[in-house]
N, C-alpha and C. Protein backbone atom coordinates (compact mmCIF):
# COMPACT_ATOMS: atom_id res chain seq x y z
N UNK A 1 75.01 -69.29 10.11
CA UNK A 1 75.94 -70.06 9.75
C UNK A 1 77.07 -69.16 8.89
N UNK A 2 78.38 -68.87 9.40
CA UNK A 2 79.16 -68.10 8.72
C UNK A 2 79.72 -68.64 7.46
N UNK A 3 80.11 -67.81 6.48
CA UNK A 3 80.76 -68.26 5.22
C UNK A 3 82.25 -68.68 5.59
N UNK A 4 82.65 -69.60 4.58
CA UNK A 4 84.07 -70.00 4.58
C UNK A 4 84.82 -68.64 4.13
N UNK A 5 85.99 -68.49 4.83
CA UNK A 5 86.83 -67.26 4.43
C UNK A 5 87.25 -67.31 2.96
N UNK A 6 87.34 -66.12 2.53
CA UNK A 6 88.04 -66.16 1.19
C UNK A 6 89.52 -66.02 1.39
N UNK A 7 90.25 -67.12 0.70
CA UNK A 7 91.82 -67.25 0.81
C UNK A 7 92.23 -66.09 -0.11
N UNK A 8 92.76 -65.01 0.42
CA UNK A 8 93.40 -63.94 -0.55
C UNK A 8 94.98 -63.98 -0.37
N UNK A 9 95.59 -63.86 -1.40
CA UNK A 9 97.14 -63.89 -1.44
C UNK A 9 97.31 -62.38 -1.80
N UNK A 10 98.22 -61.74 -0.78
CA UNK A 10 98.68 -60.27 -0.94
C UNK A 10 99.94 -60.43 -1.40
N UNK A 11 100.32 -60.32 -2.70
CA UNK A 11 101.41 -60.23 -3.55
C UNK A 11 102.56 -59.07 -3.26
N UNK A 12 103.52 -59.07 -2.62
CA UNK A 12 104.59 -57.93 -2.67
C UNK A 12 105.31 -58.00 -3.87
N UNK A 13 105.13 -57.04 -4.89
CA UNK A 13 105.68 -57.10 -6.32
C UNK A 13 107.02 -56.54 -6.49
N UNK A 14 107.30 -55.80 -5.52
CA UNK A 14 108.75 -55.27 -5.54
C UNK A 14 109.77 -55.95 -4.87
N UNK A 15 110.96 -56.25 -5.51
CA UNK A 15 112.20 -56.91 -4.83
C UNK A 15 113.35 -56.07 -4.53
N UNK A 16 113.27 -54.76 -4.93
CA UNK A 16 114.59 -54.02 -5.05
C UNK A 16 114.82 -53.66 -3.49
N UNK A 17 116.20 -53.26 -3.38
CA UNK A 17 116.75 -53.01 -2.15
C UNK A 17 116.09 -51.72 -1.45
N UNK A 18 115.86 -51.70 -0.18
CA UNK A 18 115.22 -50.44 0.33
C UNK A 18 113.51 -50.34 -0.10
N UNK A 19 113.12 -51.37 -0.67
CA UNK A 19 111.77 -51.30 -1.06
C UNK A 19 110.69 -50.94 0.00
N UNK A 20 109.53 -50.17 -0.33
CA UNK A 20 108.54 -49.81 0.51
C UNK A 20 107.34 -50.74 0.36
N UNK A 21 107.51 -51.81 -0.72
CA UNK A 21 106.35 -52.51 -0.91
C UNK A 21 105.83 -53.37 0.62
N UNK A 22 106.76 -53.95 1.32
CA UNK A 22 106.26 -54.62 2.55
C UNK A 22 105.43 -53.81 3.55
N UNK A 23 105.77 -52.61 3.48
CA UNK A 23 104.89 -51.58 4.61
C UNK A 23 103.65 -51.51 4.09
N UNK A 24 103.48 -51.30 2.74
CA UNK A 24 102.19 -51.37 2.00
C UNK A 24 101.34 -52.53 2.21
N UNK A 25 101.99 -53.65 1.95
CA UNK A 25 101.50 -55.09 1.95
C UNK A 25 101.07 -55.46 3.32
N UNK A 26 101.91 -55.07 4.30
CA UNK A 26 101.53 -55.51 5.72
C UNK A 26 100.31 -54.68 6.11
N UNK A 27 100.25 -53.25 5.71
CA UNK A 27 99.08 -52.61 6.23
C UNK A 27 97.93 -53.29 5.47
N UNK A 28 97.82 -53.50 4.23
CA UNK A 28 96.71 -53.99 3.35
C UNK A 28 96.30 -55.40 4.06
N UNK A 29 97.25 -56.24 4.55
CA UNK A 29 97.01 -57.57 5.03
C UNK A 29 96.16 -57.30 6.45
N UNK A 30 96.63 -56.37 7.09
CA UNK A 30 95.96 -56.07 8.28
C UNK A 30 94.47 -55.46 8.25
N UNK A 31 94.38 -54.65 7.08
CA UNK A 31 93.03 -54.32 6.85
C UNK A 31 92.03 -55.41 6.46
N UNK A 32 92.68 -56.31 5.43
CA UNK A 32 91.89 -57.30 5.02
C UNK A 32 91.59 -58.37 6.04
N UNK A 33 92.30 -58.61 7.17
CA UNK A 33 92.16 -59.29 8.31
C UNK A 33 91.02 -58.81 9.16
N UNK A 34 91.06 -57.44 9.34
CA UNK A 34 90.02 -56.85 10.15
C UNK A 34 88.62 -56.72 9.42
N UNK A 35 88.72 -56.80 7.98
CA UNK A 35 87.51 -56.58 7.17
C UNK A 35 86.56 -57.75 7.44
N UNK A 36 87.03 -58.84 7.75
CA UNK A 36 86.24 -60.09 7.98
C UNK A 36 85.98 -60.84 6.57
N UNK A 37 86.05 -62.17 6.85
CA UNK A 37 85.81 -63.02 5.62
C UNK A 37 86.83 -63.34 4.84
N UNK A 38 88.07 -62.86 5.31
CA UNK A 38 89.35 -63.05 4.60
C UNK A 38 90.33 -63.96 5.41
N UNK A 39 91.10 -64.93 4.82
CA UNK A 39 92.19 -65.59 5.27
C UNK A 39 93.43 -65.01 4.36
N UNK A 40 94.27 -64.35 4.86
CA UNK A 40 95.31 -63.49 4.29
C UNK A 40 96.69 -64.28 4.31
N UNK A 41 97.24 -64.45 3.20
CA UNK A 41 98.58 -65.19 2.75
C UNK A 41 99.49 -64.13 2.23
N UNK A 42 100.43 -63.50 2.84
CA UNK A 42 101.32 -62.41 2.19
C UNK A 42 102.58 -63.26 1.42
N UNK A 43 102.46 -63.08 0.06
CA UNK A 43 103.49 -63.68 -0.74
C UNK A 43 104.38 -62.78 -1.17
N UNK A 44 105.65 -62.63 -0.74
CA UNK A 44 106.65 -61.77 -1.00
C UNK A 44 107.58 -62.29 -2.16
N UNK A 45 107.62 -61.70 -3.23
CA UNK A 45 108.21 -62.20 -4.34
C UNK A 45 109.82 -62.07 -4.05
N UNK A 46 110.30 -61.55 -3.06
CA UNK A 46 111.69 -61.52 -2.86
C UNK A 46 112.29 -62.77 -2.31
N UNK A 47 111.28 -63.68 -1.88
CA UNK A 47 111.60 -64.87 -1.20
C UNK A 47 112.08 -65.92 -2.31
N UNK A 48 111.38 -66.25 -3.26
CA UNK A 48 111.75 -67.25 -4.34
C UNK A 48 112.89 -66.69 -5.13
N UNK A 49 113.58 -67.55 -5.83
CA UNK A 49 114.64 -67.00 -6.71
C UNK A 49 114.12 -67.56 -8.04
N UNK A 50 113.09 -66.95 -8.63
CA UNK A 50 112.55 -67.26 -9.97
C UNK A 50 113.62 -66.83 -11.04
N UNK A 51 113.98 -67.78 -11.89
CA UNK A 51 114.96 -67.29 -12.93
C UNK A 51 114.29 -66.40 -13.99
N UNK A 52 115.09 -65.53 -14.63
CA UNK A 52 114.55 -64.75 -15.72
C UNK A 52 114.60 -65.42 -17.08
N UNK A 53 115.30 -66.39 -17.06
CA UNK A 53 115.26 -67.37 -18.32
C UNK A 53 114.25 -68.66 -18.17
N UNK A 54 113.40 -68.60 -19.02
CA UNK A 54 112.40 -69.66 -18.93
C UNK A 54 112.79 -70.97 -19.94
N UNK A 55 112.27 -71.91 -19.42
CA UNK A 55 112.76 -73.25 -20.51
C UNK A 55 112.07 -73.09 -21.88
N UNK A 56 112.55 -73.70 -22.81
CA UNK A 56 111.92 -73.71 -24.17
C UNK A 56 110.41 -74.13 -24.08
N UNK A 57 109.70 -73.51 -24.92
CA UNK A 57 108.24 -73.93 -24.92
C UNK A 57 108.00 -75.51 -25.03
N UNK A 58 107.32 -75.98 -23.91
CA UNK A 58 107.15 -77.46 -23.85
C UNK A 58 108.15 -78.26 -23.12
N UNK A 59 109.36 -77.57 -22.76
CA UNK A 59 110.27 -78.14 -22.05
C UNK A 59 110.20 -78.06 -20.68
N UNK A 60 110.63 -78.95 -19.79
CA UNK A 60 110.49 -78.93 -18.32
C UNK A 60 111.64 -78.33 -17.73
N UNK A 61 111.28 -77.45 -16.79
CA UNK A 61 112.32 -76.72 -16.13
C UNK A 61 113.17 -77.67 -15.26
N UNK A 62 114.36 -76.97 -15.07
CA UNK A 62 115.31 -78.04 -14.05
C UNK A 62 114.76 -78.25 -12.66
N UNK A 63 115.27 -79.26 -12.01
CA UNK A 63 114.79 -79.51 -10.60
C UNK A 63 114.96 -78.37 -9.82
N UNK A 64 116.13 -77.62 -9.83
CA UNK A 64 116.23 -76.46 -8.99
C UNK A 64 115.15 -75.41 -9.36
N UNK A 65 114.90 -75.26 -10.52
CA UNK A 65 113.80 -74.08 -10.92
C UNK A 65 112.60 -74.60 -10.35
N UNK A 66 112.23 -75.90 -10.50
CA UNK A 66 110.87 -76.46 -10.04
C UNK A 66 110.81 -76.27 -8.39
N UNK A 67 111.93 -76.36 -7.67
CA UNK A 67 111.95 -76.13 -6.39
C UNK A 67 111.56 -74.63 -6.01
N UNK A 68 112.16 -73.76 -6.78
CA UNK A 68 111.85 -72.11 -6.61
C UNK A 68 110.53 -71.91 -6.97
N UNK A 69 109.87 -72.45 -8.02
CA UNK A 69 108.59 -72.36 -8.29
C UNK A 69 107.59 -72.74 -7.29
N UNK A 70 108.05 -73.83 -6.75
CA UNK A 70 107.11 -74.50 -5.61
C UNK A 70 106.93 -73.63 -4.29
N UNK A 71 107.88 -72.77 -4.17
CA UNK A 71 107.79 -71.90 -3.08
C UNK A 71 106.53 -70.95 -3.05
N UNK A 72 106.11 -70.78 -4.42
CA UNK A 72 105.03 -69.81 -4.60
C UNK A 72 103.74 -70.30 -5.24
N UNK A 73 104.01 -71.34 -6.20
CA UNK A 73 102.75 -71.89 -6.97
C UNK A 73 101.82 -72.54 -6.12
N UNK A 74 101.99 -73.31 -5.10
CA UNK A 74 100.81 -73.88 -4.26
C UNK A 74 99.99 -72.86 -3.65
N UNK A 75 100.68 -71.68 -3.13
CA UNK A 75 100.17 -70.79 -2.40
C UNK A 75 99.24 -69.82 -3.29
N UNK A 76 99.64 -69.61 -4.52
CA UNK A 76 98.73 -69.00 -5.48
C UNK A 76 97.56 -69.85 -5.93
N UNK A 77 97.93 -71.17 -6.25
CA UNK A 77 96.89 -72.07 -6.55
C UNK A 77 95.76 -72.12 -5.39
N UNK A 78 96.19 -72.04 -4.14
CA UNK A 78 95.26 -72.14 -3.11
C UNK A 78 94.33 -71.04 -2.90
N UNK A 79 94.88 -69.85 -3.62
CA UNK A 79 94.14 -68.58 -3.21
C UNK A 79 92.85 -68.53 -4.13
N UNK A 80 91.81 -67.86 -3.44
CA UNK A 80 90.61 -67.64 -4.07
C UNK A 80 90.69 -66.24 -4.88
N UNK A 81 91.59 -65.47 -4.43
CA UNK A 81 91.67 -64.00 -4.95
C UNK A 81 93.06 -63.65 -4.60
N UNK A 82 93.38 -62.37 -5.27
CA UNK A 82 94.71 -61.79 -5.16
C UNK A 82 94.47 -60.25 -5.03
N UNK A 83 95.58 -59.68 -4.04
CA UNK A 83 95.82 -58.40 -4.08
C UNK A 83 97.30 -58.12 -4.56
N UNK A 84 97.39 -57.55 -5.49
CA UNK A 84 98.88 -57.22 -5.92
C UNK A 84 99.35 -55.92 -5.67
N UNK A 85 100.20 -55.83 -4.80
CA UNK A 85 100.88 -54.50 -4.31
C UNK A 85 102.07 -54.08 -5.09
N UNK A 86 101.81 -53.08 -5.94
CA UNK A 86 102.88 -52.78 -6.98
C UNK A 86 103.46 -51.33 -6.84
N UNK A 87 104.63 -51.09 -6.96
CA UNK A 87 105.14 -49.76 -7.17
C UNK A 87 105.10 -49.50 -8.74
N UNK A 88 105.32 -48.39 -9.12
CA UNK A 88 105.47 -47.95 -10.41
C UNK A 88 106.93 -47.54 -10.90
N UNK A 89 107.59 -48.29 -11.82
CA UNK A 89 108.85 -48.19 -12.29
C UNK A 89 108.74 -47.75 -13.73
N UNK A 90 109.12 -46.48 -14.13
CA UNK A 90 109.29 -46.00 -15.37
C UNK A 90 107.85 -46.23 -16.23
N UNK A 91 107.01 -45.69 -15.70
CA UNK A 91 105.57 -45.81 -16.06
C UNK A 91 104.91 -47.14 -16.16
N UNK A 92 105.51 -48.16 -15.37
CA UNK A 92 104.96 -49.59 -15.51
C UNK A 92 105.13 -50.11 -14.25
N UNK A 93 105.05 -51.50 -14.21
CA UNK A 93 105.28 -52.43 -12.87
C UNK A 93 106.62 -53.02 -13.00
N UNK A 94 107.24 -53.68 -11.87
CA UNK A 94 108.48 -54.16 -11.95
C UNK A 94 108.55 -55.47 -12.58
N UNK A 95 109.86 -55.63 -13.14
CA UNK A 95 110.16 -56.98 -13.86
C UNK A 95 109.98 -58.20 -12.93
N UNK A 96 110.28 -58.01 -11.66
CA UNK A 96 109.97 -59.22 -10.74
C UNK A 96 108.52 -59.67 -10.64
N UNK A 97 107.58 -58.66 -10.85
CA UNK A 97 106.17 -59.07 -10.86
C UNK A 97 105.85 -59.68 -12.14
N UNK A 98 106.07 -59.25 -13.16
CA UNK A 98 105.90 -59.89 -14.45
C UNK A 98 106.54 -61.21 -14.63
N UNK A 99 107.86 -61.48 -14.03
CA UNK A 99 108.30 -62.61 -14.15
C UNK A 99 107.57 -63.76 -13.21
N UNK A 100 107.08 -63.27 -12.13
CA UNK A 100 106.33 -64.17 -11.25
C UNK A 100 104.98 -64.55 -11.87
N UNK A 101 104.36 -63.66 -12.43
CA UNK A 101 103.06 -63.65 -13.33
C UNK A 101 103.37 -64.81 -14.28
N UNK A 102 104.56 -64.68 -15.15
CA UNK A 102 104.70 -65.45 -16.30
C UNK A 102 104.97 -67.11 -15.94
N UNK A 103 105.69 -67.18 -14.73
CA UNK A 103 106.00 -68.51 -14.19
C UNK A 103 104.72 -69.27 -13.75
N UNK A 104 103.57 -68.59 -13.56
CA UNK A 104 102.37 -69.22 -13.01
C UNK A 104 101.12 -68.79 -13.80
N UNK A 105 100.68 -69.71 -14.75
CA UNK A 105 99.60 -69.37 -15.43
C UNK A 105 98.23 -70.02 -14.86
N UNK A 106 98.03 -71.27 -14.84
CA UNK A 106 96.63 -71.73 -14.35
C UNK A 106 96.27 -71.08 -13.01
N UNK A 107 97.30 -70.72 -12.11
CA UNK A 107 96.94 -70.32 -10.85
C UNK A 107 95.97 -69.00 -10.81
N UNK A 108 96.04 -68.12 -11.89
CA UNK A 108 95.30 -66.97 -12.03
C UNK A 108 93.95 -67.30 -12.55
N UNK A 109 93.91 -68.26 -13.21
CA UNK A 109 92.65 -68.45 -14.11
C UNK A 109 91.31 -68.39 -13.36
N UNK A 110 90.34 -67.56 -14.00
CA UNK A 110 89.12 -67.37 -13.44
C UNK A 110 88.99 -66.82 -11.79
N UNK A 111 90.09 -66.16 -11.59
CA UNK A 111 90.02 -65.53 -10.12
C UNK A 111 90.12 -64.11 -10.18
N UNK A 112 89.86 -63.29 -9.23
CA UNK A 112 89.72 -61.98 -9.22
C UNK A 112 91.14 -61.41 -8.56
N UNK A 113 91.44 -60.26 -9.21
CA UNK A 113 92.97 -59.69 -8.77
C UNK A 113 92.61 -58.20 -8.50
N UNK A 114 92.84 -57.89 -7.32
CA UNK A 114 92.85 -56.25 -6.93
C UNK A 114 94.12 -55.61 -6.95
N UNK A 115 94.32 -54.50 -7.02
CA UNK A 115 95.51 -53.80 -6.84
C UNK A 115 95.70 -52.75 -5.86
N UNK A 116 96.92 -52.65 -5.23
CA UNK A 116 97.22 -51.56 -4.47
C UNK A 116 98.57 -51.02 -4.89
N UNK A 117 98.63 -49.91 -5.32
CA UNK A 117 99.76 -49.21 -5.95
C UNK A 117 100.41 -48.12 -5.22
N UNK A 118 101.61 -47.91 -5.42
CA UNK A 118 102.25 -46.66 -4.86
C UNK A 118 103.46 -46.19 -5.60
N UNK A 119 103.59 -44.94 -5.41
CA UNK A 119 104.64 -44.20 -6.34
C UNK A 119 104.84 -42.83 -5.98
N UNK A 120 105.14 -42.20 -6.92
CA UNK A 120 105.37 -40.59 -6.99
C UNK A 120 104.07 -39.85 -7.23
N UNK A 121 103.96 -39.01 -8.17
CA UNK A 121 102.84 -38.16 -8.47
C UNK A 121 101.66 -39.13 -8.93
N UNK A 122 101.87 -40.21 -9.72
CA UNK A 122 100.82 -41.04 -10.35
C UNK A 122 100.42 -42.10 -9.40
N UNK A 123 101.12 -42.43 -8.18
CA UNK A 123 100.63 -43.24 -7.21
C UNK A 123 100.72 -44.77 -7.75
N UNK A 124 101.38 -45.09 -8.80
CA UNK A 124 101.35 -46.26 -9.37
C UNK A 124 100.28 -46.70 -10.24
N UNK A 125 99.45 -45.81 -10.61
CA UNK A 125 98.24 -46.04 -11.40
C UNK A 125 98.72 -46.42 -12.95
N UNK A 126 99.51 -45.98 -13.27
CA UNK A 126 100.11 -46.44 -14.54
C UNK A 126 100.41 -47.89 -14.77
N UNK A 127 101.15 -48.37 -13.59
CA UNK A 127 101.49 -49.74 -13.40
C UNK A 127 100.24 -50.59 -13.47
N UNK A 128 99.24 -50.28 -12.63
CA UNK A 128 97.90 -50.91 -12.59
C UNK A 128 97.23 -51.15 -13.94
N UNK A 129 97.27 -50.21 -14.77
CA UNK A 129 96.51 -50.11 -16.07
C UNK A 129 97.43 -51.14 -17.06
N UNK A 130 98.60 -51.18 -16.84
CA UNK A 130 99.29 -52.13 -17.52
C UNK A 130 99.20 -53.60 -17.05
N UNK A 131 99.05 -53.82 -15.74
CA UNK A 131 98.72 -55.18 -15.19
C UNK A 131 97.44 -55.74 -15.57
N UNK A 132 96.37 -54.66 -15.69
CA UNK A 132 94.89 -55.02 -16.07
C UNK A 132 94.88 -55.85 -17.42
N UNK A 133 95.76 -55.41 -18.47
CA UNK A 133 95.92 -56.12 -19.70
C UNK A 133 96.61 -57.52 -19.60
N UNK A 134 97.49 -57.52 -18.63
CA UNK A 134 98.36 -58.96 -18.58
C UNK A 134 97.26 -59.90 -17.92
N UNK A 135 96.60 -59.53 -16.86
CA UNK A 135 95.77 -60.44 -16.27
C UNK A 135 94.51 -60.97 -17.00
N UNK A 136 93.99 -59.95 -17.97
CA UNK A 136 93.08 -60.34 -18.81
C UNK A 136 93.48 -61.35 -19.73
N UNK A 137 94.80 -61.36 -20.23
CA UNK A 137 95.22 -62.39 -21.10
C UNK A 137 95.24 -63.87 -20.28
N UNK A 138 95.48 -63.70 -19.11
CA UNK A 138 95.56 -64.91 -18.25
C UNK A 138 94.28 -65.34 -17.67
N UNK A 139 93.04 -64.77 -18.32
CA UNK A 139 91.76 -65.12 -17.78
C UNK A 139 91.45 -64.90 -16.42
N UNK A 140 92.02 -63.96 -15.78
CA UNK A 140 91.67 -63.39 -14.39
C UNK A 140 90.77 -62.16 -14.67
N UNK A 141 90.06 -61.86 -13.57
CA UNK A 141 89.13 -60.84 -13.66
C UNK A 141 89.64 -59.60 -12.63
N UNK A 142 90.04 -58.41 -13.19
CA UNK A 142 90.54 -57.41 -12.33
C UNK A 142 89.51 -56.45 -11.85
N UNK A 143 89.55 -56.21 -10.51
CA UNK A 143 88.75 -55.45 -9.74
C UNK A 143 88.72 -53.95 -10.15
N UNK A 144 87.64 -53.06 -10.23
CA UNK A 144 87.77 -51.77 -10.60
C UNK A 144 88.21 -50.94 -9.61
N UNK A 145 87.60 -51.13 -8.38
CA UNK A 145 88.24 -50.23 -7.10
C UNK A 145 89.65 -50.54 -7.07
N UNK A 146 90.51 -49.55 -6.63
CA UNK A 146 91.97 -49.72 -6.35
C UNK A 146 92.19 -48.97 -5.06
N UNK A 147 93.49 -49.06 -4.42
CA UNK A 147 93.95 -48.33 -3.43
C UNK A 147 95.39 -47.69 -4.10
N UNK A 148 95.67 -46.36 -4.09
CA UNK A 148 96.50 -45.87 -4.66
C UNK A 148 97.27 -44.82 -3.61
N UNK A 149 98.65 -44.86 -3.49
CA UNK A 149 99.40 -43.86 -2.53
C UNK A 149 100.28 -43.18 -3.32
N UNK A 150 99.85 -41.81 -3.69
CA UNK A 150 100.67 -40.95 -4.21
C UNK A 150 101.63 -40.32 -3.10
N UNK A 151 103.01 -40.22 -3.68
CA UNK A 151 104.12 -39.90 -2.64
C UNK A 151 104.04 -40.71 -1.44
N UNK A 152 104.07 -41.94 -1.54
CA UNK A 152 103.78 -42.97 -0.51
C UNK A 152 104.61 -43.02 0.72
N UNK A 153 105.82 -42.76 0.59
CA UNK A 153 106.61 -42.64 1.75
C UNK A 153 106.02 -41.50 2.82
N UNK A 154 105.61 -40.57 2.28
CA UNK A 154 105.16 -39.51 3.11
C UNK A 154 103.66 -39.67 3.68
N UNK A 155 103.09 -40.66 3.27
CA UNK A 155 101.60 -41.03 3.45
C UNK A 155 101.48 -42.07 4.63
N UNK A 156 102.70 -42.53 5.02
CA UNK A 156 102.66 -43.61 6.12
C UNK A 156 103.25 -42.92 7.31
N UNK A 157 102.69 -43.27 8.63
CA UNK A 157 103.64 -42.79 9.72
C UNK A 157 104.59 -43.98 10.03
N UNK A 158 105.18 -43.67 11.07
CA UNK A 158 106.24 -44.57 11.66
C UNK A 158 105.72 -45.93 12.03
N UNK A 159 104.47 -46.00 12.35
CA UNK A 159 103.85 -47.30 12.65
C UNK A 159 103.32 -48.09 11.47
N UNK A 160 103.77 -47.53 10.19
CA UNK A 160 103.28 -48.42 9.10
C UNK A 160 101.79 -48.27 8.67
N UNK A 161 101.17 -47.29 9.10
CA UNK A 161 99.78 -47.15 8.94
C UNK A 161 99.65 -45.78 8.18
N UNK A 162 98.62 -45.69 7.19
CA UNK A 162 98.41 -44.29 6.43
C UNK A 162 98.04 -43.20 7.48
N UNK A 163 98.51 -42.02 7.20
CA UNK A 163 98.29 -40.86 8.01
C UNK A 163 96.77 -40.39 7.97
N UNK A 164 96.22 -40.70 6.93
CA UNK A 164 94.69 -40.29 6.68
C UNK A 164 93.93 -41.36 6.36
N UNK A 165 92.40 -41.11 6.58
CA UNK A 165 91.58 -42.23 6.68
C UNK A 165 91.02 -42.65 5.18
N UNK A 166 91.52 -41.88 4.23
CA UNK A 166 91.07 -42.15 2.70
C UNK A 166 91.43 -43.50 2.21
N UNK A 167 92.80 -43.79 2.64
CA UNK A 167 93.17 -45.23 2.24
C UNK A 167 92.38 -46.20 2.75
N UNK A 168 91.98 -46.18 4.00
CA UNK A 168 91.16 -47.25 4.62
C UNK A 168 89.75 -47.30 3.92
N UNK A 169 89.20 -46.21 3.44
CA UNK A 169 87.89 -46.12 2.82
C UNK A 169 87.96 -46.71 1.53
N UNK A 170 89.02 -46.47 0.80
CA UNK A 170 89.23 -47.11 -0.57
C UNK A 170 89.50 -48.63 -0.34
N UNK A 171 90.18 -49.03 0.58
CA UNK A 171 90.61 -50.44 0.83
C UNK A 171 89.34 -51.13 1.10
N UNK A 172 88.46 -50.67 1.93
CA UNK A 172 87.13 -51.09 2.10
C UNK A 172 86.29 -51.54 0.97
N UNK A 173 86.21 -50.52 0.12
CA UNK A 173 85.47 -50.62 -1.17
C UNK A 173 86.02 -51.69 -1.98
N UNK A 174 87.36 -51.64 -2.09
CA UNK A 174 88.06 -52.58 -3.05
C UNK A 174 87.90 -54.06 -2.45
N UNK A 175 88.01 -54.23 -1.22
CA UNK A 175 87.94 -55.54 -0.59
C UNK A 175 86.47 -56.03 -0.77
N UNK A 176 85.41 -55.10 -0.46
CA UNK A 176 84.00 -55.63 -0.70
C UNK A 176 83.79 -56.11 -2.06
N UNK A 177 84.41 -55.58 -3.12
CA UNK A 177 84.24 -56.09 -4.51
C UNK A 177 84.97 -57.34 -4.68
N UNK A 178 86.30 -57.29 -4.03
CA UNK A 178 87.14 -58.67 -4.21
C UNK A 178 86.42 -59.82 -3.64
N UNK A 179 85.71 -59.63 -2.42
CA UNK A 179 85.01 -60.64 -1.81
C UNK A 179 83.87 -61.15 -2.61
N UNK A 180 83.05 -60.34 -3.17
CA UNK A 180 81.96 -60.66 -4.14
C UNK A 180 82.54 -61.47 -5.27
N UNK A 181 83.44 -60.83 -6.01
CA UNK A 181 83.98 -61.71 -7.05
C UNK A 181 84.47 -63.03 -6.71
N UNK A 182 85.39 -62.95 -5.70
CA UNK A 182 86.04 -64.29 -5.17
C UNK A 182 84.81 -65.44 -5.01
N UNK A 183 83.79 -64.94 -4.23
CA UNK A 183 83.04 -65.96 -3.97
C UNK A 183 81.96 -66.41 -5.23
N UNK A 184 81.83 -65.60 -6.09
CA UNK A 184 80.90 -65.67 -7.23
C UNK A 184 81.74 -66.51 -8.30
N UNK A 185 83.03 -66.26 -8.28
CA UNK A 185 83.72 -67.08 -9.35
C UNK A 185 84.02 -68.44 -8.71
N UNK A 186 84.35 -68.53 -7.33
CA UNK A 186 84.46 -69.91 -6.72
C UNK A 186 83.19 -70.77 -7.09
N UNK A 187 82.15 -70.15 -6.72
CA UNK A 187 80.70 -70.84 -7.01
C UNK A 187 80.71 -71.39 -8.35
N UNK A 188 81.21 -70.50 -9.50
CA UNK A 188 81.00 -70.75 -10.87
C UNK A 188 82.15 -71.87 -11.15
N UNK A 189 83.29 -71.77 -10.66
CA UNK A 189 84.37 -72.86 -10.98
C UNK A 189 83.77 -74.24 -10.38
N UNK A 190 83.19 -74.26 -9.29
CA UNK A 190 82.66 -75.34 -8.63
C UNK A 190 81.51 -76.00 -9.51
N UNK A 191 80.68 -75.22 -9.90
CA UNK A 191 79.51 -75.68 -10.80
C UNK A 191 79.77 -76.22 -12.04
N UNK A 192 80.86 -75.56 -12.83
CA UNK A 192 81.16 -75.98 -14.22
C UNK A 192 82.75 -75.54 -14.50
N UNK A 193 83.46 -76.43 -15.22
CA UNK A 193 84.85 -76.04 -15.57
C UNK A 193 84.86 -74.88 -16.36
N UNK A 194 85.80 -74.01 -16.04
CA UNK A 194 86.31 -72.78 -16.86
C UNK A 194 86.55 -73.27 -18.24
N UNK A 195 85.98 -72.60 -19.26
CA UNK A 195 86.57 -73.10 -20.57
C UNK A 195 87.72 -72.43 -21.34
N UNK A 196 88.46 -71.64 -20.59
CA UNK A 196 89.60 -71.06 -21.00
C UNK A 196 90.91 -72.03 -21.16
């Protein structure tokens, strides 16, 4: 009897013009689909228009804002796990990603988060280290293994696939861990409420 697939949301964190994030996210979604055991949903943060100004603490957002949040929130809530695809901007992650994280709080709780980063010489790893602290505050569990692309534009062919095998090996290790954590945390949440 086969296991129920892990529902993974692959989040495209960059919204800037000419962004490379969708190339990386599409590749990772394909790898996850072939890995087995994952049902993949690519969540592109360029699609909703989440405002930067949040309502006062305890106040309800406007109906227009509720409609924008609803483009993302149910998909994140349905996910058993997340893969955040992020570039590195000025030694950290993009504001669009932080904004989306902040608009959604219970959706992350007691679920695993993996990272695929890209950028220049650092490959986006400084952005990942900053994100680990953010997700810890939201009671999410971050996966140790990552996939990182240094000089990302030169690492992919015209077909949208990395030109060497190292990325695929790293992705498999990351996805193996993500599947384990996703299943383990789902079982724990089903057995008892998370106390956070």
